[in-house]
Amino acid sequence: MLLLAAMVGCVQVEDRAVTLSNERNSIERTYELTKYLDHQLKEIKDTYLLYLGPPFSDPDFSPPRPNISSLAVPSAATRVDLWRGLENGARLAQNQRAYSVLLCAVRELARSTLCPYLQSSLLHFCSGLSGLLGSISGLMNALGVATDGHAPLTTPALSPRPALNDFTRKVEGFWVLRELQSWLWRSAKDFTRLKKRLRNTVWSHTLHLECAWKKRTHPPQKKRK
């Protein structure tokens, strides 16, 4: 019986170890892709602002965020304490929905850009952003979180756009990239916290299994009367 219990314990340890390894790898891949896209976006944003010209290319220029956008670009301006108070699944779901909308918005920027080099850079970035959506979906599956049925394979359909003057269109493009940068920065923070929590879970689970293993293989000896 002791041998059987020990064998069952080994299987449980191996199964949980595989699960934790898959979760850790999924988080690490998603984190690395987020950091890569953040670095890539900084270069694209600089090029795009130069393409827009003054005053957008001025370092200190920051136009007000448009009140109405046909793309409904999500804001990353949620208070830090409120954001951290959400469950992991809720934060991941919001990331997934936000990037799905932002991907559509960046594709629209690429279509409306006349500079071939910038258009190519934006479309290449879209491929990476689509990969991030897939990575987030995989991470949610690994953690047992329900995924959004509209992402990552399908991006939201564009609503009919009202006629915009040139300046308003440029302001929209400016804010699409700014919000995207804010989401990537916050997502990297989220994935870092997830890695730390998983590390704590591994330690806790290991200690629990060690205690259970000792109880099974070294049961307390009954005292002889």
Protein backbone atom coordinates (compact mmCIF):
# COMPACT_ATOMS: atom_id res chain seq x y z
CA MET A 1 0.00 0.00 0.00
CA LEU A 2 2.83 2.35 0.83
CA LEU A 3 4.42 1.64 -2.54
CA LEU A 4 1.11 2.30 -4.33
CA ALA A 5 0.64 5.58 -2.46
CA ALA A 6 4.16 6.63 -3.36
CA MET A 7 3.54 5.85 -7.04
CA VAL A 8 0.29 7.85 -7.03
CA GLY A 9 2.14 10.73 -5.39
CA CYS A 10 4.79 10.66 -8.11
CA VAL A 11 2.15 10.82 -10.86
CA GLN A 12 0.46 13.77 -9.17
CA VAL A 13 3.77 15.58 -8.83
CA GLU A 14 4.63 14.99 -12.49
CA ASP A 15 1.17 16.08 -13.74
CA ARG A 16 1.19 19.26 -11.71
CA ALA A 17 4.78 19.97 -12.70
CA VAL A 18 3.84 19.70 -16.40
CA THR A 19 0.86 22.02 -15.88
CA LEU A 20 2.94 24.62 -14.08
CA SER A 21 5.65 24.37 -16.72
CA ASN A 22 3.12 25.00 -19.50
CA GLU A 23 1.69 27.99 -17.64
CA ARG A 24 5.16 29.42 -16.99
CA ASN A 25 6.20 29.02 -20.64
CA SER A 26 2.97 30.60 -21.85
CA ILE A 27 3.38 33.61 -19.55
CA GLU A 28 7.03 34.02 -20.56
CA ARG A 29 6.24 33.91 -24.29
CA THR A 30 3.45 36.45 -23.91
CA TYR A 31 5.65 38.75 -21.83
CA GLU A 32 8.55 38.62 -24.29
CA LEU A 33 6.26 39.33 -27.24
CA THR A 34 4.72 42.28 -25.39
CA LYS A 35 8.14 43.80 -24.71
CA TYR A 36 9.20 43.26 -28.31
CA LEU A 37 6.07 45.00 -29.64
CA ASP A 38 6.55 47.87 -27.18
CA HIS A 39 10.08 48.41 -28.49
CA GLN A 40 8.92 48.14 -32.09
CA LEU A 41 6.04 50.57 -31.52
CA LYS A 42 8.39 53.28 -30.21
CA GLU A 43 10.21 53.32 -33.55
CA ILE A 44 6.98 53.24 -35.56
CA LYS A 45 5.45 56.03 -33.49
CA ASP A 46 8.45 58.31 -34.09
CA THR A 47 8.25 57.65 -37.83
CA TYR A 48 4.48 58.18 -37.87
CA LEU A 49 4.68 61.52 -36.06
CA LEU A 50 7.31 62.73 -38.52
CA TYR A 51 4.98 61.61 -41.30
CA LEU A 52 2.13 63.67 -39.79
CA GLY A 53 4.37 66.72 -39.58
CA PRO A 54 4.05 69.77 -37.28
CA PRO A 55 2.65 70.18 -34.71
CA PHE A 56 2.42 66.37 -34.21
CA SER A 57 6.14 65.92 -34.70
CA ASP A 58 6.91 68.49 -31.98
CA PRO A 59 8.21 66.70 -28.84
CA ASP A 60 5.87 68.49 -26.42
CA PHE A 61 2.71 68.37 -28.53
CA SER A 62 -0.17 66.43 -26.96
CA PRO A 63 -3.64 67.04 -28.38
CA PRO A 64 -6.72 66.23 -26.24
CA ARG A 65 -8.09 62.72 -26.65
CA PRO A 66 -11.06 62.72 -29.07
CA ASN A 67 -14.40 62.38 -27.30
CA ILE A 68 -15.88 60.31 -30.12
CA SER A 69 -14.09 57.76 -32.27
CA SER A 70 -15.71 55.41 -34.75
CA LEU A 71 -13.17 52.78 -33.65
CA ALA A 72 -14.00 53.19 -29.95
CA VAL A 73 -10.34 52.74 -29.05
CA PRO A 74 -10.22 51.54 -25.41
CA SER A 75 -8.45 53.70 -22.87
CA ALA A 76 -5.75 52.29 -20.61
CA ALA A 77 -6.31 55.09 -18.07
CA THR A 78 -7.90 52.87 -15.39
CA ARG A 79 -6.60 53.66 -11.89
CA VAL A 80 -3.76 51.34 -10.90
CA ASP A 81 -5.42 50.20 -7.66
CA LEU A 82 -8.67 49.37 -9.46
CA TRP A 83 -6.83 47.51 -12.22
CA ARG A 84 -4.75 45.46 -9.80
CA GLY A 85 -7.90 44.69 -7.81
CA LEU A 86 -9.31 42.72 -10.74
CA GLU A 87 -8.91 38.96 -10.97
CA ASN A 88 -6.24 37.68 -13.36
CA GLY A 89 -8.90 36.40 -15.73
CA ALA A 90 -10.70 39.75 -15.84
CA ARG A 91 -7.47 41.62 -16.66
CA LEU A 92 -6.55 39.13 -19.38
CA ALA A 93 -10.03 39.37 -20.90
CA GLN A 94 -9.80 43.17 -21.00
CA ASN A 95 -6.34 42.94 -22.59
CA GLN A 96 -7.71 40.59 -25.21
CA ARG A 97 -10.67 42.83 -26.09
CA ALA A 98 -8.49 45.97 -26.15
CA TYR A 99 -5.88 44.49 -28.50
CA SER A 100 -8.60 43.15 -30.77
CA VAL A 101 -9.95 46.71 -31.25
CA LEU A 102 -6.47 48.26 -31.43
CA LEU A 103 -5.41 45.78 -34.11
CA CYS A 104 -8.33 46.93 -36.24
CA ALA A 105 -7.39 50.58 -35.61
CA VAL A 106 -3.74 50.08 -36.62
CA ARG A 107 -4.82 48.30 -39.80
CA GLU A 108 -6.95 51.35 -40.59
CA LEU A 109 -3.91 53.59 -40.05
CA ALA A 110 -1.90 51.43 -42.46
CA ARG A 111 -4.62 51.64 -45.12
CA SER A 112 -4.78 55.43 -44.88
CA THR A 113 -0.98 55.94 -44.90
CA LEU A 114 0.57 57.11 -48.17
CA CYS A 115 4.20 56.45 -47.19
CA PRO A 116 5.11 52.90 -48.40
CA TYR A 117 7.79 52.35 -45.74
CA LEU A 118 5.47 53.43 -42.90
CA GLN A 119 2.62 51.38 -44.29
CA SER A 120 4.85 48.29 -44.44
CA SER A 121 6.01 48.89 -40.85
CA LEU A 122 2.43 49.22 -39.60
CA LEU A 123 1.30 46.06 -41.38
CA HIS A 124 4.30 44.15 -40.00
CA PHE A 125 3.39 45.42 -36.54
CA CYS A 126 -0.16 44.19 -37.08
CA SER A 127 1.20 40.68 -37.62
CA GLY A 128 2.97 40.87 -34.26
CA LEU A 129 -0.12 42.26 -32.56
CA SER A 130 -2.20 39.43 -33.99
CA GLY A 131 0.39 37.03 -32.56
CA LEU A 132 0.04 38.70 -29.17
CA LEU A 133 -3.71 38.14 -29.27
CA GLY A 134 -3.10 34.47 -29.99
CA SER A 135 -0.56 34.28 -27.17
CA ILE A 136 -3.00 35.89 -24.70
CA SER A 137 -5.68 33.43 -25.77
CA GLY A 138 -3.26 30.54 -25.20
CA LEU A 139 -2.34 31.92 -21.79
CA MET A 140 -6.00 32.21 -20.83
CA ASN A 141 -6.55 28.59 -21.85
CA ALA A 142 -3.52 27.48 -19.84
CA LEU A 143 -4.86 29.28 -16.77
CA GLY A 144 -8.40 27.99 -17.28
CA VAL A 145 -9.85 31.41 -18.14
CA ALA A 146 -12.73 31.68 -20.63
CA THR A 147 -11.66 33.45 -23.83
CA ASP A 148 -13.55 36.08 -25.79
CA GLY A 149 -15.32 34.52 -28.73
CA HIS A 150 -14.44 37.51 -30.95
CA ALA A 151 -10.69 37.27 -30.44
CA PRO A 152 -8.00 36.61 -31.37
CA LEU A 153 -8.96 35.32 -34.81
CA THR A 154 -11.63 37.92 -35.56
CA THR A 155 -11.23 41.67 -35.18
CA PRO A 156 -14.22 43.97 -34.66
CA ALA A 157 -15.96 45.20 -37.77
CA LEU A 158 -15.47 48.87 -38.50
CA SER A 159 -18.52 51.04 -37.99
CA PRO A 160 -19.32 53.62 -40.69
CA ARG A 161 -16.85 56.48 -40.30
CA PRO A 162 -18.04 60.08 -40.44
CA ALA A 163 -16.13 62.42 -42.71
CA LEU A 164 -13.12 63.73 -40.78
CA ASN A 165 -11.04 66.75 -41.59
CA ASP A 166 -7.31 66.22 -41.97
CA PHE A 167 -6.38 67.49 -38.50
CA THR A 168 -9.02 65.37 -36.71
CA ARG A 169 -7.87 62.29 -38.61
CA LYS A 170 -4.28 62.94 -37.52
CA VAL A 171 -5.38 63.37 -33.89
CA GLU A 172 -7.14 59.99 -34.07
CA GLY A 173 -3.99 58.34 -35.39
CA PHE A 174 -1.91 60.02 -32.70
CA TRP A 175 -4.18 58.62 -29.96
CA VAL A 176 -4.42 55.14 -31.44
CA LEU A 177 -0.64 54.76 -31.08
CA ARG A 178 -0.56 56.43 -27.66
CA GLU A 179 -3.26 54.14 -26.25
CA LEU A 180 -1.56 51.12 -27.80
CA GLN A 181 1.71 52.06 -26.12
CA SER A 182 -0.07 52.44 -22.76
CA TRP A 183 -1.73 49.04 -23.11
CA LEU A 184 1.56 47.32 -23.98
CA TRP A 185 3.29 48.93 -21.01
CA ARG A 186 0.52 47.85 -18.62
CA SER A 187 0.32 44.35 -20.10
CA ALA A 188 4.03 43.83 -19.48
CA LYS A 189 3.43 44.75 -15.83
CA ASP A 190 0.51 42.29 -15.67
CA PHE A 191 2.56 39.41 -17.06
CA THR A 192 5.41 40.19 -14.66
CA ARG A 193 3.01 39.92 -11.72
CA LEU A 194 1.61 36.69 -13.13
CA LYS A 195 5.12 35.21 -13.25
CA LYS A 196 5.69 36.14 -9.61
CA ARG A 197 2.36 34.65 -8.51
CA LEU A 198 3.07 31.44 -10.42
CA ARG A 199 6.48 31.20 -8.75
CA ASN A 200 4.80 31.49 -5.33
CA THR A 201 2.26 28.86 -6.36
CA VAL A 202 5.05 26.47 -7.36
CA TRP A 203 6.76 26.85 -3.98
CA SER A 204 3.48 26.36 -2.09
CA HIS A 205 2.53 23.32 -4.13
CA THR A 206 5.99 21.78 -3.75
CA LEU A 207 5.88 22.12 0.03
CA HIS A 208 2.38 20.63 0.13
CA LEU A 209 3.46 17.62 -1.93
CA GLU A 210 6.58 17.09 0.17
CA CYS A 211 4.47 16.99 3.32
CA ALA A 212 1.98 14.60 1.72
CA TRP A 213 4.85 12.41 0.46
CA LYS A 214 6.38 12.12 3.92
CA LYS A 215 3.04 11.20 5.47
CA ARG A 216 2.49 8.46 2.88
CA THR A 217 5.98 6.97 2.91
CA HIS A 218 6.77 7.51 6.59
CA PRO A 219 3.55 7.11 8.55
CA PRO A 220 3.85 7.79 12.28
CA GLN A 221 4.73 4.69 14.28
CA LYS A 222 2.22 3.60 16.85
CA LYS A 223 3.58 3.51 20.36
CA ARG A 224 3.73 0.07 21.93
CA LYS A 225 1.97 -0.27 25.21
